[in-house]
Amino acid sequence: MSRQIQKQDDGKYRVWSTIAGGYIIENATEEEIAALYIKDAEVDIRWRIHYEIQRLEQRVMNE
């Protein structure tokens, strides 16, 4: 996923997403953008953990 943080004329920030084809957050502070990225990273990490555990469980069932 490609994102680009841009500074607005009023000094706040917005994030453009190539996947969404638009801004996914506008009028944001640095902290708000960090929270968005952290939330997305957490979702990704949880998905990867779930995937790995499912692979392990499947392997155990096939033994």
N, C-alpha and C. Protein backbone atom coordinates (compact mmCIF):
# COMPACT_ATOMS: atom_id res chain seq x y z
N MET A 1 0.85 -1.16 0.00
CA MET A 1 0.00 0.00 0.00
C MET A 1 0.90 1.23 0.00
N SER A 2 0.63 2.11 -0.91
CA SER A 2 1.44 3.32 -1.01
C SER A 2 0.67 4.51 -0.46
N ARG A 3 1.32 5.21 0.43
CA ARG A 3 0.73 6.40 1.04
C ARG A 3 1.72 7.55 0.97
N GLN A 4 1.17 8.74 0.92
CA GLN A 4 2.02 9.92 0.90
C GLN A 4 1.43 10.94 1.87
N ILE A 5 2.25 11.37 2.82
CA ILE A 5 1.84 12.41 3.75
C ILE A 5 2.13 13.76 3.10
N GLN A 6 1.13 14.63 3.14
CA GLN A 6 1.27 15.96 2.55
C GLN A 6 0.92 17.01 3.60
N LYS A 7 1.61 18.14 3.53
CA LYS A 7 1.30 19.25 4.43
C LYS A 7 0.28 20.16 3.77
N GLN A 8 -0.75 20.51 4.51
CA GLN A 8 -1.79 21.40 4.02
C GLN A 8 -1.36 22.85 4.24
N ASP A 9 -2.05 23.77 3.59
CA ASP A 9 -1.74 25.20 3.73
C ASP A 9 -1.91 25.70 5.16
N ASP A 10 -2.81 25.07 5.92
CA ASP A 10 -3.07 25.51 7.30
C ASP A 10 -2.09 24.91 8.30
N GLY A 11 -1.10 24.14 7.82
CA GLY A 11 -0.09 23.57 8.70
C GLY A 11 -0.40 22.16 9.18
N LYS A 12 -1.63 21.70 8.97
CA LYS A 12 -1.96 20.32 9.32
C LYS A 12 -1.58 19.42 8.16
N TYR A 13 -1.89 18.12 8.31
CA TYR A 13 -1.45 17.13 7.33
C TYR A 13 -2.62 16.32 6.79
N ARG A 14 -2.38 15.67 5.65
CA ARG A 14 -3.32 14.74 5.05
C ARG A 14 -2.52 13.60 4.45
N VAL A 15 -3.19 12.47 4.25
CA VAL A 15 -2.52 11.29 3.71
C VAL A 15 -3.26 10.83 2.47
N TRP A 16 -2.53 10.76 1.37
CA TRP A 16 -3.06 10.27 0.10
C TRP A 16 -2.77 8.78 0.01
N SER A 17 -3.77 8.00 -0.39
CA SER A 17 -3.60 6.56 -0.57
C SER A 17 -3.84 6.20 -2.02
N THR A 18 -2.89 5.50 -2.62
CA THR A 18 -3.07 5.06 -4.01
C THR A 18 -4.13 3.97 -4.10
N ILE A 19 -4.30 3.20 -3.04
CA ILE A 19 -5.31 2.14 -3.05
C ILE A 19 -6.71 2.74 -2.98
N ALA A 20 -6.90 3.71 -2.09
CA ALA A 20 -8.22 4.35 -1.97
C ALA A 20 -8.45 5.33 -3.11
N GLY A 21 -7.36 5.79 -3.71
CA GLY A 21 -7.49 6.78 -4.78
C GLY A 21 -7.91 8.13 -4.26
N GLY A 22 -7.56 8.40 -3.02
CA GLY A 22 -7.92 9.68 -2.42
C GLY A 22 -7.29 9.82 -1.05
N TYR A 23 -7.69 10.88 -0.37
CA TYR A 23 -7.17 11.12 0.97
C TYR A 23 -7.90 10.24 1.98
N ILE A 24 -7.12 9.57 2.82
CA ILE A 24 -7.73 8.71 3.83
C ILE A 24 -7.84 9.42 5.17
N ILE A 25 -7.16 10.53 5.31
CA ILE A 25 -7.28 11.38 6.49
C ILE A 25 -6.84 12.79 6.08
N GLU A 26 -7.56 13.78 6.58
CA GLU A 26 -7.23 15.18 6.30
C GLU A 26 -7.30 15.97 7.60
N ASN A 27 -6.71 17.15 7.59
CA ASN A 27 -6.73 18.05 8.75
C ASN A 27 -6.21 17.35 10.00
N ALA A 28 -5.17 16.56 9.84
CA ALA A 28 -4.66 15.72 10.92
C ALA A 28 -3.36 16.27 11.49
N THR A 29 -3.13 15.91 12.75
CA THR A 29 -1.86 16.20 13.39
C THR A 29 -0.91 15.03 13.14
N GLU A 30 0.34 15.23 13.48
CA GLU A 30 1.31 14.14 13.36
C GLU A 30 0.88 12.94 14.22
N GLU A 31 0.37 13.23 15.41
CA GLU A 31 -0.06 12.16 16.31
C GLU A 31 -1.23 11.36 15.73
N GLU A 32 -2.16 12.04 15.07
CA GLU A 32 -3.30 11.35 14.47
C GLU A 32 -2.86 10.45 13.31
N ILE A 33 -1.92 10.93 12.54
CA ILE A 33 -1.40 10.11 11.43
C ILE A 33 -0.64 8.91 11.99
N ALA A 34 0.15 9.14 13.03
CA ALA A 34 0.87 8.03 13.65
C ALA A 34 -0.11 6.98 14.17
N ALA A 35 -1.20 7.41 14.78
CA ALA A 35 -2.20 6.47 15.30
C ALA A 35 -2.82 5.65 14.17
N LEU A 36 -3.07 6.28 13.03
CA LEU A 36 -3.61 5.57 11.86
C LEU A 36 -2.64 4.50 11.39
N TYR A 37 -1.36 4.87 11.24
CA TYR A 37 -0.36 3.91 10.78
C TYR A 37 -0.18 2.77 11.79
N ILE A 38 -0.19 3.10 13.07
CA ILE A 38 -0.03 2.07 14.11
C ILE A 38 -1.21 1.10 14.09
N LYS A 39 -2.42 1.62 13.95
CA LYS A 39 -3.61 0.76 13.87
C LYS A 39 -3.52 -0.18 12.69
N ASP A 40 -3.13 0.34 11.53
CA ASP A 40 -3.00 -0.50 10.34
C ASP A 40 -1.91 -1.55 10.52
N ALA A 41 -0.81 -1.18 11.16
CA ALA A 41 0.27 -2.13 11.40
C ALA A 41 -0.20 -3.24 12.34
N GLU A 42 -0.98 -2.87 13.35
CA GLU A 42 -1.50 -3.87 14.29
C GLU A 42 -2.40 -4.88 13.58
N VAL A 43 -3.26 -4.39 12.71
CA VAL A 43 -4.14 -5.29 11.96
C VAL A 43 -3.30 -6.26 11.12
N ASP A 44 -2.27 -5.74 10.47
CA ASP A 44 -1.40 -6.57 9.64
C ASP A 44 -0.67 -7.61 10.48
N ILE A 45 -0.16 -7.21 11.61
CA ILE A 45 0.56 -8.14 12.49
C ILE A 45 -0.37 -9.24 12.99
N ARG A 46 -1.57 -8.85 13.42
CA ARG A 46 -2.52 -9.85 13.91
C ARG A 46 -2.90 -10.85 12.81
N TRP A 47 -3.06 -10.35 11.58
CA TRP A 47 -3.40 -11.24 10.46
C TRP A 47 -2.26 -12.23 10.22
N ARG A 48 -1.01 -11.73 10.24
CA ARG A 48 0.13 -12.63 10.00
C ARG A 48 0.25 -13.68 11.09
N ILE A 49 0.02 -13.29 12.33
CA ILE A 49 0.07 -14.26 13.44
C ILE A 49 -1.01 -15.32 13.25
N HIS A 50 -2.21 -14.87 12.94
CA HIS A 50 -3.32 -15.81 12.71
C HIS A 50 -2.98 -16.78 11.58
N TYR A 51 -2.44 -16.25 10.48
CA TYR A 51 -2.07 -17.08 9.34
C TYR A 51 -1.04 -18.14 9.73
N GLU A 52 -0.02 -17.73 10.47
CA GLU A 52 1.03 -18.67 10.88
C GLU A 52 0.48 -19.75 11.80
N ILE A 53 -0.39 -19.36 12.72
CA ILE A 53 -0.98 -20.34 13.63
C ILE A 53 -1.86 -21.32 12.86
N GLN A 54 -2.62 -20.82 11.91
CA GLN A 54 -3.45 -21.72 11.10
C GLN A 54 -2.59 -22.71 10.32
N ARG A 55 -1.47 -22.26 9.80
CA ARG A 55 -0.55 -23.17 9.10
C ARG A 55 -0.02 -24.24 10.04
N LEU A 56 0.36 -23.84 11.25
CA LEU A 56 0.85 -24.80 12.23
C LEU A 56 -0.22 -25.81 12.60
N GLU A 57 -1.43 -25.34 12.84
CA GLU A 57 -2.53 -26.23 13.20
C GLU A 57 -2.83 -27.21 12.06
N GLN A 58 -2.80 -26.74 10.85
CA GLN A 58 -3.06 -27.60 9.69
C GLN A 58 -1.98 -28.67 9.57
N ARG A 59 -0.74 -28.28 9.83
CA ARG A 59 0.36 -29.24 9.75
C ARG A 59 0.22 -30.30 10.83
N VAL A 60 -0.18 -29.91 12.03
CA VAL A 60 -0.37 -30.86 13.12
C VAL A 60 -1.49 -31.84 12.78
N MET A 61 -2.56 -31.33 12.18
CA MET A 61 -3.69 -32.19 11.82
C MET A 61 -3.31 -33.18 10.72
N ASN A 62 -2.36 -32.83 9.88
CA ASN A 62 -1.95 -33.70 8.76
C ASN A 62 -0.89 -34.71 9.16
N GLU A 63 -0.37 -34.64 10.37
CA GLU A 63 0.67 -35.58 10.81
C GLU A 63 0.08 -36.88 11.26
